[in-house]
Protein backbone atom coordinates (compact mmCIF):
# COMPACT_ATOMS: atom_id res chain seq x y z
CA MET A 1 -20.61 36.91 -40.20
CA TYR A 2 -19.62 39.08 -37.25
CA LEU A 3 -16.31 40.08 -38.82
CA ARG A 4 -18.06 41.20 -42.01
CA GLN A 5 -20.84 43.05 -40.16
CA ASN A 6 -18.39 44.88 -37.89
CA MET A 7 -16.21 45.81 -40.84
CA LEU A 8 -19.24 47.06 -42.80
CA ASN A 9 -20.61 49.08 -39.88
CA GLU A 10 -17.27 50.69 -39.02
CA ALA A 11 -16.45 51.59 -42.62
CA THR A 12 -19.87 52.99 -43.52
CA HIS A 13 -20.22 54.95 -40.28
CA ALA A 14 -16.77 56.50 -40.78
CA LEU A 15 -17.61 57.44 -44.36
CA ARG A 16 -20.93 59.00 -43.36
CA ARG A 17 -19.33 60.90 -40.46
CA ASN A 18 -17.05 62.46 -43.06
CA GLY A 19 -20.01 63.40 -45.25
CA ARG A 20 -19.45 60.65 -47.82
CA THR A 21 -21.92 58.19 -49.26
CA PRO A 22 -20.46 54.65 -49.27
CA ARG A 23 -19.69 53.51 -52.82
CA VAL A 24 -19.81 49.85 -53.82
CA ALA A 25 -18.77 47.74 -56.77
CA LEU A 26 -21.37 45.09 -57.59
CA TYR A 27 -20.09 41.52 -57.93
CA LEU A 28 -21.65 38.23 -59.04
CA CYS A 29 -20.24 34.77 -59.53
CA THR A 30 -22.79 33.08 -61.76
CA ARG A 31 -23.63 29.47 -62.48
CA SER A 32 -25.66 28.08 -65.36
CA TYR A 33 -28.77 27.60 -63.19
CA ASP A 34 -28.67 31.11 -61.65
CA PRO A 35 -31.20 33.78 -62.60
CA ASP A 36 -30.26 36.20 -65.36
CA PRO A 37 -27.28 38.31 -64.21
CA ALA A 38 -29.10 41.49 -65.28
CA GLU A 39 -31.89 40.65 -62.84
CA GLN A 40 -29.37 39.97 -60.08
CA PHE A 41 -27.61 43.28 -60.76
CA ASP A 42 -30.98 45.09 -60.69
CA LEU A 43 -31.58 43.59 -57.24
CA LEU A 44 -28.13 44.70 -56.08
CA TYR A 45 -28.78 48.26 -57.31
CA ALA A 46 -32.03 48.27 -55.32
CA VAL A 47 -30.26 46.97 -52.19
CA ALA A 48 -27.52 49.59 -52.53
CA SER A 49 -30.13 52.32 -52.83
CA GLN A 50 -32.11 51.05 -49.83
CA ARG A 51 -28.94 51.03 -47.73
CA GLY A 52 -27.91 54.53 -48.77
CA MET A 53 -25.00 53.37 -50.91
CA ARG A 54 -24.02 54.44 -54.39
CA ALA A 55 -23.47 51.53 -56.78
CA GLY A 56 -20.54 51.66 -59.17
CA ALA A 57 -19.35 49.25 -61.81
CA GLU A 58 -20.62 45.70 -62.25
CA PHE A 59 -18.25 42.74 -62.22
CA THR A 60 -18.97 39.09 -62.83
CA ASP A 61 -17.33 35.72 -63.13
CA GLY A 62 -19.10 32.81 -64.80
CA ASN A 63 -19.23 29.07 -64.49
CA GLY A 64 -19.40 28.99 -60.70
CA PRO A 65 -16.75 29.55 -58.11
CA THR A 66 -13.15 28.80 -58.94
CA ALA A 67 -9.99 29.78 -57.11
CA ILE A 68 -9.97 33.48 -56.31
CA ALA A 69 -6.69 33.96 -58.16
CA GLN A 70 -8.45 32.83 -61.37
CA ARG A 71 -11.54 35.03 -60.99
CA THR A 72 -10.83 38.09 -63.06
CA GLY A 73 -14.15 39.77 -62.22
CA LEU A 74 -13.56 39.58 -58.48
CA LEU A 75 -9.95 40.69 -58.87
CA LYS A 76 -11.05 43.69 -60.97
CA ALA A 77 -13.70 44.59 -58.39
CA LEU A 78 -11.13 44.44 -55.59
CA GLU A 79 -8.79 46.57 -57.72
CA GLN A 80 -11.54 49.22 -57.94
CA VAL A 81 -11.62 49.26 -54.14
CA ARG A 82 -7.82 49.34 -53.87
CA GLN A 83 -7.65 52.31 -56.25
CA GLY A 84 -10.30 54.18 -54.26
CA PHE A 85 -13.00 54.23 -56.93
CA VAL A 86 -15.34 52.45 -54.51
CA ASP A 87 -15.24 51.72 -50.77
CA GLY A 88 -16.35 48.09 -50.82
CA LEU A 89 -18.17 45.27 -52.58
CA LEU A 90 -21.85 44.36 -52.67
CA CYS A 91 -22.68 40.73 -53.52
CA PRO A 92 -25.86 38.67 -53.27
CA ALA A 93 -24.39 36.17 -50.76
CA PHE A 94 -21.05 35.10 -49.33
CA GLU A 95 -20.83 32.16 -51.74
CA HIS A 96 -20.29 34.63 -54.57
CA ILE A 97 -16.94 35.47 -53.01
CA SER A 98 -16.19 31.90 -51.99
CA PRO A 99 -18.27 28.91 -50.89
CA HIS A 100 -15.27 27.84 -48.80
CA LEU A 101 -15.51 29.51 -45.40
CA ASP A 102 -11.75 29.63 -44.83
CA GLU A 103 -11.18 31.35 -48.18
CA TYR A 104 -14.12 33.72 -47.59
CA GLU A 105 -12.70 34.63 -44.18
CA ARG A 106 -9.28 35.36 -45.73
CA VAL A 107 -10.91 37.80 -48.16
CA LEU A 108 -12.80 39.44 -45.28
CA ARG A 109 -9.68 39.78 -43.15
CA THR A 110 -7.77 41.31 -46.07
CA THR A 111 -10.54 43.82 -46.74
CA ALA A 112 -10.92 44.63 -43.02
CA HIS A 113 -7.16 45.20 -42.69
CA ARG A 114 -7.37 47.76 -45.49
CA ARG A 115 -10.56 49.34 -44.08
CA TRP A 116 -12.67 48.17 -47.00
CA PHE A 117 -15.92 46.28 -46.61
CA VAL A 118 -18.07 43.54 -48.09
CA ALA A 119 -21.85 43.97 -48.04
CA LEU A 120 -24.29 41.17 -48.86
CA SER A 121 -27.89 41.47 -50.00
CA ASP A 122 -28.57 38.11 -48.31
CA PRO A 123 -26.38 38.14 -45.18
CA GLU A 124 -24.89 34.92 -43.95
CA THR A 125 -26.21 33.37 -40.76
CA THR A 126 -24.55 31.23 -38.14
CA ALA A 127 -26.92 28.37 -38.95
CA GLY A 128 -24.95 25.50 -40.37
CA LEU A 129 -21.57 27.22 -40.00
């Protein structure tokens, strides 16, 4: 949680100091019992707007979390960041990236190393971690 928050704060403050609005790709990993993805994306657009971010393309993977290497939506979203089309990702919760904390942390460390960020509409807490 602290790694992600620090990374998000540093990246967005640096962008704003340089007169840029942070840009985010929206990402969902859906399961059969999740709400309609369109509704979830609408919520993410609203969160981006509230936080002063500009939302870019939408990416999704279905059927619940699988290995990151097999999640084409997440890989495409990260490619958008790598190519500079967006500055980071916005997801509903950390489980959309990975429900496995070690894998989630690896993604965060990779994005932090490259000065990207991950924003969550429902931030993780330390409860139960």
